[in-house]
Protein backbone atom coordinates (compact mmCIF):
# COMPACT_ATOMS: atom_id res chain seq x y z
CA MET A 1 -49.33 21.17 107.64
CA LEU A 2 -46.04 19.45 106.92
CA VAL A 3 -45.65 15.79 107.70
CA PRO A 4 -42.51 15.30 109.77
CA HIS A 5 -39.84 13.11 108.28
CA ILE A 6 -38.77 10.26 110.51
CA VAL A 7 -35.25 8.95 110.14
CA GLU A 8 -35.05 5.18 110.10
CA MET A 9 -32.00 4.45 112.23
CA ASN A 10 -31.43 1.00 110.76
CA GLU A 11 -31.08 2.47 107.27
CA LEU A 12 -28.23 4.78 108.23
CA ALA A 13 -24.66 3.59 107.91
CA ALA A 14 -22.66 3.74 111.14
CA PRO A 15 -20.66 6.87 110.15
CA GLN A 16 -23.92 8.68 109.30
CA LEU A 17 -25.41 7.49 112.57
CA CYS A 18 -22.46 8.99 114.46
CA GLN A 19 -23.17 12.35 112.80
CA TYR A 20 -26.89 12.01 113.48
CA ILE A 21 -26.36 11.32 117.19
CA ALA A 22 -23.88 14.18 117.49
CA SER A 23 -26.14 16.75 115.83
CA LYS A 24 -29.63 15.54 116.76
CA HIS A 25 -28.95 14.54 120.36
CA TYR A 26 -25.64 15.88 121.63
CA VAL A 27 -26.25 19.51 120.62
CA PRO A 28 -29.57 19.66 122.54
CA ILE A 29 -28.00 17.81 125.49
CA ARG A 30 -25.24 20.43 125.72
CA HIS A 31 -27.83 23.20 125.48
CA SER A 32 -29.98 21.64 128.21
CA LEU A 33 -27.00 21.28 130.55
CA LYS A 34 -26.15 24.95 130.13
CA THR A 35 -29.77 26.04 130.62
CA MET A 36 -30.18 23.85 133.70
CA GLU A 37 -27.03 25.25 135.25
CA GLU A 38 -28.46 28.76 134.81
CA TYR A 39 -31.72 27.71 136.50
CA LEU A 40 -29.80 26.18 139.40
CA HIS A 41 -27.85 29.40 139.79
CA GLU A 42 -31.17 31.24 140.08
CA VAL A 43 -32.34 28.71 142.69
CA GLU A 44 -29.17 29.35 144.71
CA VAL A 45 -29.59 33.14 144.38
CA GLU A 46 -33.15 32.86 145.68
CA ASN A 47 -31.58 31.33 148.79
CA SER A 48 -34.50 28.97 149.07
CA THR A 49 -32.76 25.65 148.77
CA SER A 50 -34.03 22.82 150.87
CA GLY A 51 -32.27 19.54 151.59
CA GLN A 52 -34.05 18.00 148.62
CA GLU A 53 -32.94 20.77 146.25
CA ASP A 54 -29.37 20.49 147.55
CA LEU A 55 -29.39 16.76 146.78
CA VAL A 56 -30.85 17.44 143.31
CA MET A 57 -28.06 19.96 142.67
CA LEU A 58 -25.42 17.47 143.76
CA LEU A 59 -26.88 14.74 141.55
CA PHE A 60 -27.22 17.14 138.63
CA TYR A 61 -23.58 18.23 138.77
CA LYS A 62 -22.49 14.59 138.94
CA LEU A 63 -24.72 13.81 135.93
CA LYS A 64 -23.35 16.85 134.10
CA ASP A 65 -19.78 15.64 134.64
CA GLU A 66 -20.65 12.14 133.38
CA LEU A 67 -22.52 13.45 130.34
CA GLU A 68 -19.70 15.81 129.41
CA GLN A 69 -17.27 12.90 129.69
CA MET A 70 -19.51 10.75 127.47
CA LEU A 71 -19.80 13.52 124.87
CA ARG A 72 -16.02 14.03 124.89
CA ASN A 73 -15.30 10.31 124.61
CA ASP A 74 -17.73 9.89 121.74
CA THR A 75 -16.52 12.99 119.91
CA ILE A 76 -12.80 12.33 120.35
CA ILE A 77 -12.56 8.53 120.45
CA VAL A 78 -15.66 6.49 119.66
CA PHE A 79 -17.14 8.26 116.62
CA PRO A 80 -13.78 8.81 114.84
CA LEU A 81 -12.87 5.17 115.49
CA ILE A 82 -16.18 3.98 114.01
CA ARG A 83 -15.81 6.29 111.00
CA ARG A 84 -12.27 5.04 110.30
CA GLU A 85 -13.09 1.38 110.88
CA ILE A 86 -16.31 1.27 108.90
CA GLY A 87 -16.31 4.26 106.61
CA HIS A 88 -13.05 3.38 104.91
CA ASN A 89 -13.05 -0.41 105.33
CA TYR A 90 -9.91 0.11 107.32
CA HIS A 91 -9.18 -2.18 110.23
CA THR A 92 -7.49 -0.58 113.23
CA ASP A 93 -5.71 -2.41 115.99
CA MET A 94 -7.68 -0.41 118.54
CA PRO A 95 -10.93 -2.20 119.39
CA LEU A 96 -14.08 -0.25 120.12
CA PRO A 97 -14.20 0.27 123.92
CA THR A 98 -17.68 -1.23 124.29
CA ALA A 99 -17.29 -2.22 127.95
CA MET A 100 -16.35 1.36 128.85
CA ILE A 101 -19.27 2.70 126.80
CA HIS A 102 -21.79 0.34 128.45
CA GLN A 103 -20.45 1.17 131.93
CA MET A 104 -20.69 4.91 131.30
CA HIS A 105 -24.25 4.57 129.97
CA LYS A 106 -25.23 2.51 133.01
CA LYS A 107 -23.84 5.16 135.38
CA ILE A 108 -25.64 7.98 133.53
CA LEU A 109 -28.97 6.14 133.49
CA LYS A 110 -28.62 5.41 137.21
CA LEU A 111 -28.02 9.10 137.95
CA LEU A 112 -31.04 10.05 135.82
CA ASP A 113 -33.15 7.57 137.76
CA LYS A 114 -32.01 9.04 141.09
CA LEU A 115 -32.78 12.55 139.85
CA ARG A 116 -36.19 11.46 138.58
CA THR A 117 -36.98 10.06 142.02
CA GLN A 118 -35.86 13.25 143.76
CA VAL A 119 -38.01 15.49 141.54
CA ASN A 120 -41.19 13.50 142.02
CA SER A 121 -41.04 11.91 138.52
CA TYR A 122 -41.31 15.45 137.09
CA LEU A 123 -44.65 16.12 138.78
CA VAL A 124 -44.50 19.68 140.11
CA LYS A 125 -44.98 20.28 143.81
CA PRO A 126 -46.63 23.56 144.90
CA GLU A 127 -43.78 24.48 147.25
CA TRP A 128 -41.19 24.49 144.46
CA THR A 129 -39.88 27.86 143.31
CA GLU A 130 -40.39 28.95 139.71
CA SER A 131 -36.68 28.49 138.99
CA PHE A 132 -36.76 24.96 140.38
CA LYS A 133 -39.86 24.17 138.31
CA LEU A 134 -38.08 25.41 135.18
CA PHE A 135 -35.04 23.34 136.11
CA CYS A 136 -37.22 20.22 136.47
CA ASP A 137 -38.93 20.90 133.15
CA GLU A 138 -35.54 21.11 131.44
CA LEU A 139 -34.40 18.01 133.34
CA PHE A 140 -37.31 16.10 131.82
CA THR A 141 -36.20 17.20 128.33
CA LEU A 142 -32.61 16.23 129.10
CA ASP A 143 -33.72 12.85 130.43
CA GLN A 144 -35.57 12.10 127.18
CA GLN A 145 -32.69 13.22 124.96
CA VAL A 146 -30.10 11.22 126.90
CA GLN A 147 -32.22 8.07 126.95
CA GLN A 148 -32.83 8.32 123.19
CA ALA A 149 -29.14 8.89 122.45
CA ILE A 150 -28.07 5.97 124.63
CA TYR A 151 -30.73 3.71 123.13
CA ILE A 152 -29.58 4.50 119.58
CA LYS A 153 -25.92 4.00 120.50
CA GLU A 154 -26.49 0.74 122.35
CA ASN A 155 -29.04 -0.87 120.06
CA VAL A 156 -28.12 0.40 116.61
CA LEU A 157 -24.71 2.06 116.38
CA LEU A 158 -22.64 -0.33 118.49
CA LYS A 159 -24.25 -3.37 116.89
CA LYS A 160 -23.51 -2.01 113.41
CA ALA A 161 -19.97 -1.10 114.41
CA GLN A 162 -19.28 -4.52 115.93
CA SER A 163 -20.80 -6.27 112.93
CA ALA A 164 -18.77 -4.21 110.47
CA ALA A 165 -15.57 -4.65 112.52
CA SER A 166 -15.98 -8.42 112.52
CA THR A 167 -16.67 -8.35 108.75
CA ASN A 168 -13.53 -6.23 108.19
CA SER A 169 -11.40 -8.59 110.27
CA ILE A 170 -12.65 -11.57 108.25
CA HIS A 171 -11.51 -9.87 105.03
CA ASP A 172 -8.02 -9.11 106.43
């Protein structure tokens, strides 16, 4: 049996951490969103939606929009900015939008909490359809991936980026 290798986040440089988050967390998040949308389509086709399932669908699509926005922002703005600022010891005039990042994370975590409440903290109820059970199972996986990605960004990546940015500005 192979012993799994555990990546020590604090040992990775910020540019490497950006790549790690993008490949290790964002790829599975995108996959989960697509899979969950397919399950919800099956739930709708079964024509068995209750008020609770309708609310879950509404919350899910709101969460999906927020997650897609976060992934786009990180891919297009945040990660390239961190790579330029830190990876090349190059100081840009554009500061890292940390307030926007924190606000987006807060909104996503709040939506996940509301979804968790609506799906009985992922404890299956007998009246749920198979499609809805599969959706909830995938929602649990998504919840874990998103929380891990946000934790790494907030507690490791942003701190490294801010520390490196302040070091770069001292040397200017």
